[in-house]
Structures are given as structure tokens and as C-alpha cells.
Amino acid sequence: MGTTWHVTIVPGPGSASPDVLQRGIEEELESVNLSMSTYRDDSEISRFNALAADTWFPVSPEFYAVLSTALAVGWQSGGAYDVTVAPLVNLWGFGPDGPANGPPPAKQIAGLLEQIGQDNLRVDGEARQVLKRGQLSLDFSSIAKGYAVDRVAQWLDTQGVSRYLVEVGGEMRLAGNSPRDDLWRIAIEQPDSATIDVNAAMRISDAAIATSGDYRNYFEVDGKRYSHSIDPRTGYPVSHDLVSVTVIHNSAMIADAWATALTVLGPQEGMAVALAHGLAVYFIQRHGTDFQHSHTPAFGQYLEISEPDQQ
């Protein structure tokens, strides 16, 4: 999937050997790649994207599970999350075709908007097959990394490993105590493209974490900043001041998708949706050269120091 992975394991009685664990982890990740990586022409998702319209395409249980979750978050977020948005992301210079020279023409954006939208997908759950209407393509980059984390974690559970940190492309899942024999300590990065500093620290276990932000992937033209976070409802990059969203959930896949959805929704609407769904979320907004943070009540339990002035 064009990214890195890292696993920390605390061995316990009955856990498999390091060599067995290494091979098993790589096999789990390769299985996800074969299904969901757009970097491979032979992957399941690439074959679906190359398929002619109005043709049913049988999918694997793994593919179906990820697509179903993506569609659910899409509906629950009012369309702010949409795994068919890839052509627009590419048009703006954040996809496989590489950087753009500047904002694309409005007419071109409008044309692509007519082609995308998860409503143009037909899903037959009983036969586990998917059909697209028109020149639709899927991109699971905002959810597949989280799914890969879950797959590796679930496999480790079957190998007698009960204490671990699994991370793929920044999304992670933790179980049991850390090597220090206490809760895992995880930092939320300060959203500054020039530095790598800590904004907040968490103590956490038996949960998954995903973060989405626009502070490292963007371009500027005539002093205006264009984020890689494209709003599938408008076809344009988000323009609000929400720069980082961290979500904690029992599923890294779901946390991954919601982090993207809430980033698109922005600070006010994002907070309202997060509260409505009982999500544990930490928001960071940019105010000039400063940053302001807030969080939902469900997130407060994970912070090392809870600020009384936060939501």
C-alpha cells in the first residue's frame, strides 16, 4: 500500500517464535495488499477499477467487509467520506499521477463530480458481489491501513501474543501492557509541517488509534493552501482550520475511516457528528500560528492530563 509497518511484541508463555511471527505478519499484510492495494495491477481493487461498468464483480469476504464499513461511514457522515473520490484526489495532484501545477479547471472538477459517489455502487451482500455504474473507481487508502492493523492484531491473538503494538502507515492497535508493564504511551503530533513535536500524550491499551491531518500533504499557489483532503460533496479541498483529527475505537479500520470523514467535515460539524455517534475524538485547529485543541467526552479518559476547558 505504499507505506511502512512496525510491530512491537512482548513475548509471553505460549507465544510463537519471532521467526514464525515475522512470517505470519508478512503473510497477513501481503493478503491485504493482494486485495486492496492500488499500487498493484493484479490486486482485487485494481481489477474491479479496470472492469467495465454494469458488470457484477465477485469480491472476497475481506474486500466486502472493508467496502461495507466504508459505505456505512459514508452514509453516517452525510457523504463527507466516500471511497469513490479517488479521481478527484488524483485531479488535484495528490494521487498516482503526481503533483499538479495548480488548481484544476472548475469544469473538469464538475465533470468528475458527476462520475463519483457511492450511490453509483450496487452491492449484493447475499452473493457478495459489487457492480459500478459509469466510470467509477474505488480507493481504500483511507481505510485499508486500519484494516491491515486489525488483521495483524487478530492473527497475533491466535498465536498466543497478548501484548503488542501494531502500526501500519501511522494507524495502530495496542493490546495488554507495554514492555514497561504499564499502559502504552502514545503521542499526538503537533500539526506543524516544519517540526515533529508532541501536542498531547495518551495512556491506552486494548484499543485502536487513527489520525488524519492536512499539515504534511498540501500545496500552495499565490499564498493559498490546498489540502490533500478533498471534500467529495464539492470536489474541492477542505478550506477550514481543522488540521488534525485523532480517533480511538476498538477497530482500527473504523477509526481510520472516521478520522478522514471528520477531517472533511471540519471542526463544528465534525464535533457534532462525533458526539452524535459517541466517538472518542481529539481535534486540533489552526489559529494563525497557534493551535487550539478540543475533544469529545469519550476521549478524555485516554489523555495523561485532561484540560478542564475542553469539551
C-alpha atoms as a PDB file:
ATOM      1  CA  MET A   1       0.000   0.000   0.000  1.00  0.00           C
ATOM      2  CA  GLY A   2       2.964   2.294  -0.427  1.00  0.00           C
ATOM      3  CA  THR A   3       3.666   2.659   3.282  1.00  0.00           C
ATOM      4  CA  THR A   4       5.606   1.138   6.192  1.00  0.00           C
ATOM      5  CA  TRP A   5       4.667  -1.118   9.092  1.00  0.00           C
ATOM      6  CA  HIS A   6       6.010  -1.767  12.561  1.00  0.00           C
ATOM      7  CA  VAL A   7       5.070  -4.282  15.260  1.00  0.00           C
ATOM      8  CA  THR A   8       6.284  -4.372  18.862  1.00  0.00           C
ATOM      9  CA  ILE A   9       5.619  -7.632  20.685  1.00  0.00           C
ATOM     10  CA  VAL A  10       6.060  -8.523  24.349  1.00  0.00           C
ATOM     11  CA  PRO A  11       6.526 -12.331  24.308  1.00  0.00           C
ATOM     12  CA  GLY A  12       4.551 -14.387  26.780  1.00  0.00           C
ATOM     13  CA  PRO A  13       4.033 -18.045  27.711  1.00  0.00           C
ATOM     14  CA  GLY A  14       2.820 -19.977  24.693  1.00  0.00           C
ATOM     15  CA  SER A  15       3.592 -17.255  22.137  1.00  0.00           C
ATOM     16  CA  ALA A  16       5.077 -18.331  18.812  1.00  0.00           C
ATOM     17  CA  SER A  17       8.747 -17.805  17.943  1.00  0.00           C
ATOM     18  CA  PRO A  18       9.895 -14.489  16.412  1.00  0.00           C
ATOM     19  CA  ASP A  19      10.510 -16.161  13.033  1.00  0.00           C
ATOM     20  CA  VAL A  20       7.007 -17.610  12.953  1.00  0.00           C
ATOM     21  CA  LEU A  21       5.519 -14.252  13.977  1.00  0.00           C
ATOM     22  CA  GLN A  22       7.530 -12.374  11.331  1.00  0.00           C
ATOM     23  CA  ARG A  23       6.383 -14.693   8.547  1.00  0.00           C
ATOM     24  CA  GLY A  24       2.794 -14.654   9.737  1.00  0.00           C
ATOM     25  CA  ILE A  25       2.628 -10.872   9.930  1.00  0.00           C
ATOM     26  CA  GLU A  26       4.067 -10.542   6.430  1.00  0.00           C
ATOM     27  CA  GLU A  27       1.567 -13.058   5.079  1.00  0.00           C
ATOM     28  CA  GLU A  28      -1.342 -11.133   6.624  1.00  0.00           C
ATOM     29  CA  LEU A  29      -0.113  -7.866   5.118  1.00  0.00           C
ATOM     30  CA  GLU A  30       0.500  -9.466   1.728  1.00  0.00           C
ATOM     31  CA  SER A  31      -3.056 -10.799   1.757  1.00  0.00           C
ATOM     32  CA  VAL A  32      -4.390  -7.274   2.322  1.00  0.00           C
ATOM     33  CA  ASN A  33      -2.112  -5.948  -0.433  1.00  0.00           C
ATOM     34  CA  LEU A  34      -3.389  -8.541  -2.898  1.00  0.00           C
ATOM     35  CA  SER A  35      -6.922  -7.415  -2.188  1.00  0.00           C
ATOM     36  CA  MET A  36      -6.771  -3.655  -1.597  1.00  0.00           C
ATOM     37  CA  SER A  37      -3.556  -2.082  -2.880  1.00  0.00           C
ATOM     38  CA  THR A  38      -3.948   0.302  -5.817  1.00  0.00           C
ATOM     39  CA  TYR A  39      -0.158   0.051  -6.238  1.00  0.00           C
ATOM     40  CA  ARG A  40      -0.665  -3.417  -7.762  1.00  0.00           C
ATOM     41  CA  ASP A  41      -2.362  -4.021 -11.099  1.00  0.00           C
ATOM     42  CA  ASP A  42      -3.244  -7.578 -10.056  1.00  0.00           C
ATOM     43  CA  SER A  43      -4.959  -6.655  -6.795  1.00  0.00           C
ATOM     44  CA  GLU A  44      -8.657  -7.226  -6.298  1.00  0.00           C
ATOM     45  CA  ILE A  45      -9.408  -3.497  -6.149  1.00  0.00           C
ATOM     46  CA  SER A  46      -7.355  -2.727  -9.279  1.00  0.00           C
ATOM     47  CA  ARG A  47      -9.183  -5.436 -11.204  1.00  0.00           C
ATOM     48  CA  PHE A  48     -12.526  -4.005 -10.089  1.00  0.00           C
ATOM     49  CA  ASN A  49     -11.465  -0.497 -11.124  1.00  0.00           C
ATOM     50  CA  ALA A  50     -10.462  -1.763 -14.591  1.00  0.00           C
ATOM     51  CA  LEU A  51     -13.778  -3.565 -15.058  1.00  0.00           C
ATOM     52  CA  ALA A  52     -16.395  -2.251 -17.467  1.00  0.00           C
ATOM     53  CA  ALA A  53     -19.445  -0.585 -15.973  1.00  0.00           C
ATOM     54  CA  ASP A  54     -22.606  -2.566 -15.202  1.00  0.00           C
ATOM     55  CA  THR A  55     -20.694  -5.817 -14.667  1.00  0.00           C
ATOM     56  CA  TRP A  56     -21.039  -7.752 -11.418  1.00  0.00           C
ATOM     57  CA  PHE A  57     -17.695  -8.442  -9.747  1.00  0.00           C
ATOM     58  CA  PRO A  58     -17.430 -11.193  -7.072  1.00  0.00           C
ATOM     59  CA  VAL A  59     -15.371  -9.995  -4.093  1.00  0.00           C
ATOM     60  CA  SER A  60     -13.590 -11.690  -1.206  1.00  0.00           C
ATOM     61  CA  PRO A  61     -15.020 -11.603   2.327  1.00  0.00           C
ATOM     62  CA  GLU A  62     -12.224  -9.180   3.307  1.00  0.00           C
ATOM     63  CA  PHE A  63     -12.981  -6.804   0.444  1.00  0.00           C
ATOM     64  CA  TYR A  64     -16.689  -6.950   1.217  1.00  0.00           C
ATOM     65  CA  ALA A  65     -16.095  -6.194   4.915  1.00  0.00           C
ATOM     66  CA  VAL A  66     -13.987  -3.117   4.157  1.00  0.00           C
ATOM     67  CA  LEU A  67     -16.349  -1.822   1.475  1.00  0.00           C
ATOM     68  CA  SER A  68     -19.374  -2.302   3.745  1.00  0.00           C
ATOM     69  CA  THR A  69     -17.692  -0.347   6.546  1.00  0.00           C
ATOM     70  CA  ALA A  70     -16.673   2.408   4.117  1.00  0.00           C
ATOM     71  CA  LEU A  71     -20.229   2.729   2.795  1.00  0.00           C
ATOM     72  CA  ALA A  72     -21.629   2.870   6.339  1.00  0.00           C
ATOM     73  CA  VAL A  73     -19.267   5.694   7.363  1.00  0.00           C
ATOM     74  CA  GLY A  74     -20.104   7.440   4.099  1.00  0.00           C
ATOM     75  CA  TRP A  75     -23.804   7.435   4.907  1.00  0.00           C
ATOM     76  CA  GLN A  76     -23.305   8.311   8.579  1.00  0.00           C
ATOM     77  CA  SER A  77     -21.077  11.259   7.654  1.00  0.00           C
ATOM     78  CA  GLY A  78     -23.543  12.662   5.147  1.00  0.00           C
ATOM     79  CA  GLY A  79     -21.254  11.968   2.203  1.00  0.00           C
ATOM     80  CA  ALA A  80     -18.144  13.602   3.681  1.00  0.00           C
ATOM     81  CA  TYR A  81     -16.447  10.216   3.385  1.00  0.00           C
ATOM     82  CA  ASP A  82     -16.558   8.453   0.023  1.00  0.00           C
ATOM     83  CA  VAL A  83     -14.201   5.732  -1.260  1.00  0.00           C
ATOM     84  CA  THR A  84     -15.048   6.637  -4.862  1.00  0.00           C
ATOM     85  CA  VAL A  85     -13.371  10.068  -4.583  1.00  0.00           C
ATOM     86  CA  ALA A  86     -10.013   8.863  -5.981  1.00  0.00           C
ATOM     87  CA  PRO A  87     -10.356  10.534  -9.439  1.00  0.00           C
ATOM     88  CA  LEU A  88     -10.778  13.927  -7.770  1.00  0.00           C
ATOM     89  CA  VAL A  89      -7.829  13.309  -5.447  1.00  0.00           C
ATOM     90  CA  ASN A  90      -5.733  12.474  -8.498  1.00  0.00           C
ATOM     91  CA  LEU A  91      -7.001  15.525 -10.403  1.00  0.00           C
ATOM     92  CA  TRP A  92      -5.826  17.775  -7.582  1.00  0.00           C
ATOM     93  CA  GLY A  93      -2.341  16.262  -7.711  1.00  0.00           C
ATOM     94  CA  PHE A  94      -2.486  14.012  -4.666  1.00  0.00           C
ATOM     95  CA  GLY A  95      -2.869  10.691  -6.473  1.00  0.00           C
ATOM     96  CA  PRO A  96      -0.730   8.293  -8.530  1.00  0.00           C
ATOM     97  CA  ASP A  97      -0.321  10.775 -11.418  1.00  0.00           C
ATOM     98  CA  GLY A  98       1.783  13.008  -9.174  1.00  0.00           C
ATOM     99  CA  PRO A  99       1.644  16.709  -8.239  1.00  0.00           C
ATOM    100  CA  ALA A 100      -0.477  19.203 -10.159  1.00  0.00           C
ATOM    101  CA  ASN A 101       0.766  22.589 -11.369  1.00  0.00           C
ATOM    102  CA  GLY A 102      -2.143  24.310  -9.678  1.00  0.00           C
ATOM    103  CA  PRO A 103      -5.910  24.082  -9.121  1.00  0.00           C
ATOM    104  CA  PRO A 104      -7.701  22.251 -11.961  1.00  0.00           C
ATOM    105  CA  PRO A 105     -10.388  23.979 -14.055  1.00  0.00           C
ATOM    106  CA  ALA A 106     -13.818  24.172 -12.428  1.00  0.00           C
ATOM    107  CA  LYS A 107     -15.388  22.480 -15.466  1.00  0.00           C
ATOM    108  CA  GLN A 108     -13.096  19.469 -15.049  1.00  0.00           C
ATOM    109  CA  ILE A 109     -13.962  19.221 -11.349  1.00  0.00           C
ATOM    110  CA  ALA A 110     -17.688  19.375 -12.142  1.00  0.00           C
ATOM    111  CA  GLY A 111     -17.295  16.635 -14.752  1.00  0.00           C
ATOM    112  CA  LEU A 112     -15.620  14.267 -12.294  1.00  0.00           C
ATOM    113  CA  LEU A 113     -18.185  15.043  -9.594  1.00  0.00           C
ATOM    114  CA  GLU A 114     -20.831  13.546 -11.863  1.00  0.00           C
ATOM    115  CA  GLN A 115     -18.873  10.280 -12.053  1.00  0.00           C
ATOM    116  CA  ILE A 116     -18.176   9.701  -8.359  1.00  0.00           C
ATOM    117  CA  GLY A 117     -20.422   8.894  -5.416  1.00  0.00           C
ATOM    118  CA  GLN A 118     -21.049   5.681  -3.514  1.00  0.00           C
ATOM    119  CA  ASP A 119     -24.667   5.783  -4.645  1.00  0.00           C
ATOM    120  CA  ASN A 120     -23.314   4.629  -8.025  1.00  0.00           C
ATOM    121  CA  LEU A 121     -22.303   1.303  -6.471  1.00  0.00           C
ATOM    122  CA  ARG A 122     -24.607  -1.691  -6.278  1.00  0.00           C
ATOM    123  CA  VAL A 123     -23.761  -4.272  -3.607  1.00  0.00           C
ATOM    124  CA  ASP A 124     -25.272  -7.740  -3.445  1.00  0.00           C
ATOM    125  CA  GLY A 125     -24.482  -8.934   0.073  1.00  0.00           C
ATOM    126  CA  GLU A 126     -26.013 -12.364  -0.348  1.00  0.00           C
ATOM    127  CA  ALA A 127     -23.917 -13.221  -3.418  1.00  0.00           C
ATOM    128  CA  ARG A 128     -21.050 -10.981  -2.193  1.00  0.00           C
ATOM    129  CA  GLN A 129     -20.604  -9.099  -5.442  1.00  0.00           C
ATOM    130  CA  VAL A 130     -20.333  -5.447  -6.467  1.00  0.00           C
ATOM    131  CA  LEU A 131     -21.383  -3.514  -9.573  1.00  0.00           C
ATOM    132  CA  LYS A 132     -20.465   0.023 -10.605  1.00  0.00           C
ATOM    133  CA  ARG A 133     -22.452   2.370 -12.771  1.00  0.00           C
ATOM    134  CA  GLY A 134     -20.266   4.510 -15.017  1.00  0.00           C
ATOM    135  CA  GLN A 135     -16.507   5.034 -14.820  1.00  0.00           C
ATOM    136  CA  LEU A 136     -16.310   4.554 -11.078  1.00  0.00           C
ATOM    137  CA  SER A 137     -13.149   3.523  -9.222  1.00  0.00           C
ATOM    138  CA  LEU A 138     -12.502   2.643  -5.592  1.00  0.00           C
ATOM    139  CA  ASP A 139      -9.622   3.687  -3.354  1.00  0.00           C
ATOM    140  CA  PHE A 140      -9.349   2.140   0.125  1.00  0.00           C
ATOM    141  CA  SER A 141      -6.285   4.202   1.150  1.00  0.00           C
ATOM    142  CA  SER A 142      -8.319   5.864   3.919  1.00  0.00           C
ATOM    143  CA  ILE A 143      -9.425   2.562   5.462  1.00  0.00           C
ATOM    144  CA  ALA A 144      -7.225  -0.345   4.271  1.00  0.00           C
ATOM    145  CA  LYS A 145      -4.293   0.544   6.539  1.00  0.00           C
ATOM    146  CA  GLY A 146      -6.604   0.342   9.539  1.00  0.00           C
ATOM    147  CA  TYR A 147      -7.987  -2.946   8.272  1.00  0.00           C
ATOM    148  CA  ALA A 148      -4.439  -4.301   7.898  1.00  0.00           C
ATOM    149  CA  VAL A 149      -3.727  -3.332  11.516  1.00  0.00           C
ATOM    150  CA  ASP A 150      -6.815  -5.232  12.655  1.00  0.00           C
ATOM    151  CA  ARG A 151      -5.868  -8.290  10.583  1.00  0.00           C
ATOM    152  CA  VAL A 152      -2.349  -8.444  12.057  1.00  0.00           C
ATOM    153  CA  ALA A 153      -3.645  -7.893  15.596  1.00  0.00           C
ATOM    154  CA  GLN A 154      -6.266 -10.614  15.243  1.00  0.00           C
ATOM    155  CA  TRP A 155      -3.645 -13.025  13.897  1.00  0.00           C
ATOM    156  CA  LEU A 156      -1.300 -12.254  16.809  1.00  0.00           C
ATOM    157  CA  ASP A 157      -4.152 -13.097  19.194  1.00  0.00           C
ATOM    158  CA  THR A 158      -4.287 -16.582  17.670  1.00  0.00           C
ATOM    159  CA  GLN A 159      -0.537 -17.036  18.218  1.00  0.00           C
ATOM    160  CA  GLY A 160      -0.645 -16.596  21.988  1.00  0.00           C
ATOM    161  CA  VAL A 161       0.542 -12.962  21.861  1.00  0.00           C
ATOM    162  CA  SER A 162      -1.479 -10.771  24.217  1.00  0.00           C
ATOM    163  CA  ARG A 163       0.809  -7.710  24.480  1.00  0.00           C
ATOM    164  CA  TYR A 164       1.611  -5.813  21.292  1.00  0.00           C
ATOM    165  CA  LEU A 165       1.596  -2.581  19.306  1.00  0.00           C
ATOM    166  CA  VAL A 166       0.745  -2.929  15.622  1.00  0.00           C
ATOM    167  CA  GLU A 167       1.239   0.081  13.332  1.00  0.00           C
ATOM    168  CA  VAL A 168       0.685   0.414   9.575  1.00  0.00           C
ATOM    169  CA  GLY A 169       1.127   3.822   7.963  1.00  0.00           C
ATOM    170  CA  GLY A 170       0.513   5.600  11.272  1.00  0.00           C
ATOM    171  CA  GLU A 171      -2.663   3.741  12.242  1.00  0.00           C
ATOM    172  CA  MET A 172      -2.210   1.448  15.232  1.00  0.00           C
ATOM    173  CA  ARG A 173      -3.741  -1.001  17.651  1.00  0.00           C
ATOM    174  CA  LEU A 174      -2.489  -1.890  21.117  1.00  0.00           C
ATOM    175  CA  ALA A 175      -3.128  -4.799  23.466  1.00  0.00           C
ATOM    176  CA  GLY A 176      -2.089  -5.623  27.004  1.00  0.00           C
ATOM    177  CA  ASN A 177       0.679  -3.760  28.804  1.00  0.00           C
ATOM    178  CA  SER A 178       3.736  -2.195  27.195  1.00  0.00           C
ATOM    179  CA  PRO A 179       7.294  -3.542  27.678  1.00  0.00           C
ATOM    180  CA  ARG A 180       7.434  -1.279  30.789  1.00  0.00           C
ATOM    181  CA  ASP A 181       4.488  -3.321  32.126  1.00  0.00           C
ATOM    182  CA  ASP A 182       2.136  -0.332  32.153  1.00  0.00           C
ATOM    183  CA  LEU A 183      -0.273   1.182  29.625  1.00  0.00           C
ATOM    184  CA  TRP A 184       1.158   2.097  26.247  1.00  0.00           C
ATOM    185  CA  ARG A 185       2.048   5.802  25.939  1.00  0.00           C
ATOM    186  CA  ILE A 186       1.169   7.286  22.535  1.00  0.00           C
ATOM    187  CA  ALA A 187       1.756  10.858  21.374  1.00  0.00           C
ATOM    188  CA  ILE A 188      -0.446  13.040  19.173  1.00  0.00           C
ATOM    189  CA  GLU A 189       1.806  15.008  16.872  1.00  0.00           C
ATOM    190  CA  GLN A 190       1.728  18.790  16.732  1.00  0.00           C
ATOM    191  CA  PRO A 191       0.354  19.605  13.242  1.00  0.00           C
ATOM    192  CA  ASP A 192       3.356  21.613  12.054  1.00  0.00           C
ATOM    193  CA  SER A 193       4.967  20.651   8.736  1.00  0.00           C
ATOM    194  CA  ALA A 194       8.311  22.142   9.815  1.00  0.00           C
ATOM    195  CA  THR A 195       8.762  20.206  13.066  1.00  0.00           C
ATOM    196  CA  ILE A 196       7.800  16.974  14.798  1.00  0.00           C
ATOM    197  CA  ASP A 197       6.594  17.937  18.266  1.00  0.00           C
ATOM    198  CA  VAL A 198       4.063  16.437  20.669  1.00  0.00           C
ATOM    199  CA  ASN A 199       0.675  18.110  21.119  1.00  0.00           C
ATOM    200  CA  ALA A 200      -0.751  15.631  23.629  1.00  0.00           C
ATOM    201  CA  ALA A 201       0.076  12.262  25.177  1.00  0.00           C
ATOM    202  CA  MET A 202      -2.202   9.319  25.860  1.00  0.00           C
ATOM    203  CA  ARG A 203      -2.125   6.217  28.017  1.00  0.00           C
ATOM    204  CA  ILE A 204      -4.005   3.463  26.281  1.00  0.00           C
ATOM    205  CA  SER A 205      -4.425  -0.271  25.761  1.00  0.00           C
ATOM    206  CA  ASP A 206      -6.808  -2.699  24.083  1.00  0.00           C
ATOM    207  CA  ALA A 207      -7.878  -0.101  21.522  1.00  0.00           C
ATOM    208  CA  ALA A 208      -7.010   1.283  18.094  1.00  0.00           C
ATOM    209  CA  ILE A 209      -5.911   4.797  17.096  1.00  0.00           C
ATOM    210  CA  ALA A 210      -6.016   6.590  13.744  1.00  0.00           C
ATOM    211  CA  THR A 211      -5.030  10.161  12.861  1.00  0.00           C
ATOM    212  CA  SER A 212      -5.804  12.214   9.773  1.00  0.00           C
ATOM    213  CA  GLY A 213      -4.252  15.604   9.030  1.00  0.00           C
ATOM    214  CA  ASP A 214      -3.552  18.061   6.220  1.00  0.00           C
ATOM    215  CA  TYR A 215      -0.303  19.538   7.516  1.00  0.00           C
ATOM    216  CA  ARG A 216       2.181  17.393   5.572  1.00  0.00           C
ATOM    217  CA  ASN A 217       0.435  16.837   2.240  1.00  0.00           C
ATOM    218  CA  TYR A 218      -0.624  20.070   0.534  1.00  0.00           C
ATOM    219  CA  PHE A 219       0.484  22.669  -1.996  1.00  0.00           C
ATOM    220  CA  GLU A 220       0.305  26.456  -2.131  1.00  0.00           C
ATOM    221  CA  VAL A 221      -0.455  28.743  -5.071  1.00  0.00           C
ATOM    222  CA  ASP A 222      -0.467  32.549  -4.761  1.00  0.00           C
ATOM    223  CA  GLY A 223      -0.458  32.258  -0.993  1.00  0.00           C
ATOM    224  CA  LYS A 224      -3.477  29.915  -0.862  1.00  0.00           C
ATOM    225  CA  ARG A 225      -3.102  26.490   0.698  1.00  0.00           C
ATOM    226  CA  TYR A 226      -4.709  23.443  -0.954  1.00  0.00           C
ATOM    227  CA  SER A 227      -5.117  20.403   1.290  1.00  0.00           C
ATOM    228  CA  HIS A 228      -4.978  16.768   0.129  1.00  0.00           C
ATOM    229  CA  SER A 229      -8.292  16.248   1.962  1.00  0.00           C
ATOM    230  CA  ILE A 230     -10.844  16.526  -0.842  1.00  0.00           C
ATOM    231  CA  ASP A 231     -14.497  17.005   0.050  1.00  0.00           C
ATOM    232  CA  PRO A 232     -16.378  14.521  -2.172  1.00  0.00           C
ATOM    233  CA  ARG A 233     -19.503  16.654  -1.849  1.00  0.00           C
ATOM    234  CA  THR A 234     -17.916  19.697  -3.521  1.00  0.00           C
ATOM    235  CA  GLY A 235     -14.902  18.344  -5.404  1.00  0.00           C
ATOM    236  CA  TYR A 236     -12.599  20.864  -3.723  1.00  0.00           C
ATOM    237  CA  PRO A 237     -10.008  20.602  -0.932  1.00  0.00           C
ATOM    238  CA  VAL A 238     -11.317  21.437   2.518  1.00  0.00           C
ATOM    239  CA  SER A 239     -10.719  25.077   3.473  1.00  0.00           C
ATOM    240  CA  HIS A 240     -11.486  25.115   7.205  1.00  0.00           C
ATOM    241  CA  ASP A 241      -8.944  25.372  10.041  1.00  0.00           C
ATOM    242  CA  LEU A 242      -9.198  21.777  11.314  1.00  0.00           C
ATOM    243  CA  VAL A 243      -5.742  20.305  10.697  1.00  0.00           C
ATOM    244  CA  SER A 244      -5.635  17.081  12.721  1.00  0.00           C
ATOM    245  CA  VAL A 245      -8.184  14.506  13.872  1.00  0.00           C
ATOM    246  CA  THR A 246      -7.358  11.517  16.094  1.00  0.00           C
ATOM    247  CA  VAL A 247      -9.958   8.791  16.653  1.00  0.00           C
ATOM    248  CA  ILE A 248      -9.853   5.957  19.196  1.00  0.00           C
ATOM    249  CA  HIS A 249     -12.044   2.916  18.543  1.00  0.00           C
ATOM    250  CA  ASN A 250     -11.960  -0.819  19.117  1.00  0.00           C
ATOM    251  CA  SER A 251     -11.452  -1.224  15.351  1.00  0.00           C
ATOM    252  CA  ALA A 252      -8.510   0.421  13.562  1.00  0.00           C
ATOM    253  CA  MET A 253     -10.460   0.126  10.297  1.00  0.00           C
ATOM    254  CA  ILE A 254     -13.370   2.149  11.653  1.00  0.00           C
ATOM    255  CA  ALA A 255     -11.067   4.654  13.390  1.00  0.00           C
ATOM    256  CA  ASP A 256      -9.173   5.125  10.110  1.00  0.00           C
ATOM    257  CA  ALA A 257     -12.325   5.882   8.118  1.00  0.00           C
ATOM    258  CA  TRP A 258     -13.802   8.218  10.734  1.00  0.00           C
ATOM    259  CA  ALA A 259     -10.560  10.199  11.066  1.00  0.00           C
ATOM    260  CA  THR A 260     -10.823  11.024   7.358  1.00  0.00           C
ATOM    261  CA  ALA A 261     -14.552  11.737   7.473  1.00  0.00           C
ATOM    262  CA  LEU A 262     -14.279  14.109  10.441  1.00  0.00           C
ATOM    263  CA  THR A 263     -11.338  15.917   8.832  1.00  0.00           C
ATOM    264  CA  VAL A 264     -13.527  16.678   5.829  1.00  0.00           C
ATOM    265  CA  LEU A 265     -16.492  17.712   7.976  1.00  0.00           C
ATOM    266  CA  GLY A 266     -14.487  20.379   9.816  1.00  0.00           C
ATOM    267  CA  PRO A 267     -14.437  21.481  13.463  1.00  0.00           C
ATOM    268  CA  GLN A 268     -18.080  22.321  14.146  1.00  0.00           C
ATOM    269  CA  GLU A 269     -19.832  19.711  12.018  1.00  0.00           C
ATOM    270  CA  GLY A 270     -17.154  17.152  12.851  1.00  0.00           C
ATOM    271  CA  MET A 271     -17.626  17.636  16.585  1.00  0.00           C
ATOM    272  CA  ALA A 272     -21.410  17.384  16.227  1.00  0.00           C
ATOM    273  CA  VAL A 273     -21.180  14.128  14.255  1.00  0.00           C
ATOM    274  CA  ALA A 274     -18.585  12.680  16.634  1.00  0.00           C
ATOM    275  CA  LEU A 275     -20.826  13.442  19.619  1.00  0.00           C
ATOM    276  CA  ALA A 276     -23.890  12.008  17.862  1.00  0.00           C
ATOM    277  CA  HIS A 277     -22.070   8.711  17.283  1.00  0.00           C
ATOM    278  CA  GLY A 278     -20.367   8.608  20.678  1.00  0.00           C
ATOM    279  CA  LEU A 279     -16.886   8.650  19.133  1.00  0.00           C
ATOM    280  CA  ALA A 280     -13.654   9.286  21.050  1.00  0.00           C
ATOM    281  CA  VAL A 281     -12.047  12.093  19.036  1.00  0.00           C
ATOM    282  CA  TYR A 282      -9.293  14.698  19.550  1.00  0.00           C
ATOM    283  CA  PHE A 283      -9.399  17.755  17.256  1.00  0.00           C
ATOM    284  CA  ILE A 284      -6.620  20.276  16.555  1.00  0.00           C
ATOM    285  CA  GLN A 285      -7.431  23.569  14.819  1.00  0.00           C
ATOM    286  CA  ARG A 286      -5.041  26.132  13.403  1.00  0.00           C
ATOM    287  CA  HIS A 287      -5.444  29.745  14.554  1.00  0.00           C
ATOM    288  CA  GLY A 288      -2.814  31.805  12.783  1.00  0.00           C
ATOM    289  CA  THR A 289       0.487  30.431  14.027  1.00  0.00           C
ATOM    290  CA  ASP A 290      -1.103  28.795  17.076  1.00  0.00           C
ATOM    291  CA  PHE A 291      -3.126  25.623  17.592  1.00  0.00           C
ATOM    292  CA  GLN A 292      -6.257  25.014  19.650  1.00  0.00           C
ATOM    293  CA  HIS A 293      -7.419  21.557  20.665  1.00  0.00           C
ATOM    294  CA  SER A 294     -10.695  20.064  21.802  1.00  0.00           C
ATOM    295  CA  HIS A 295     -12.016  16.567  22.362  1.00  0.00           C
ATOM    296  CA  THR A 296     -15.214  14.634  22.872  1.00  0.00           C
ATOM    297  CA  PRO A 297     -16.030  13.353  26.392  1.00  0.00           C
ATOM    298  CA  ALA A 298     -15.238   9.785  25.293  1.00  0.00           C
ATOM    299  CA  PHE A 299     -11.643  10.795  24.512  1.00  0.00           C
ATOM    300  CA  GLY A 300     -10.855  12.424  27.852  1.00  0.00           C
ATOM    301  CA  GLN A 301     -10.168   9.140  29.656  1.00  0.00           C
ATOM    302  CA  TYR A 302      -7.118   8.491  27.462  1.00  0.00           C
ATOM    303  CA  LEU A 303      -5.310  11.792  27.988  1.00  0.00           C
ATOM    304  CA  GLU A 304      -2.477  11.897  30.503  1.00  0.00           C
ATOM    305  CA  ILE A 305      -3.640  15.358  31.626  1.00  0.00           C
ATOM    306  CA  SER A 306      -7.233  16.347  30.939  1.00  0.00           C
ATOM    307  CA  GLU A 307      -7.757  20.073  30.385  1.00  0.00           C
ATOM    308  CA  PRO A 308     -10.888  21.350  32.211  1.00  0.00           C
ATOM    309  CA  ASP A 309     -11.660  23.898  29.488  1.00  0.00           C
ATOM    310  CA  GLN A 310     -12.071  21.282  26.770  1.00  0.00           C
ATOM    311  CA  GLN A 311     -15.384  19.895  25.536  1.00  0.00           C
END
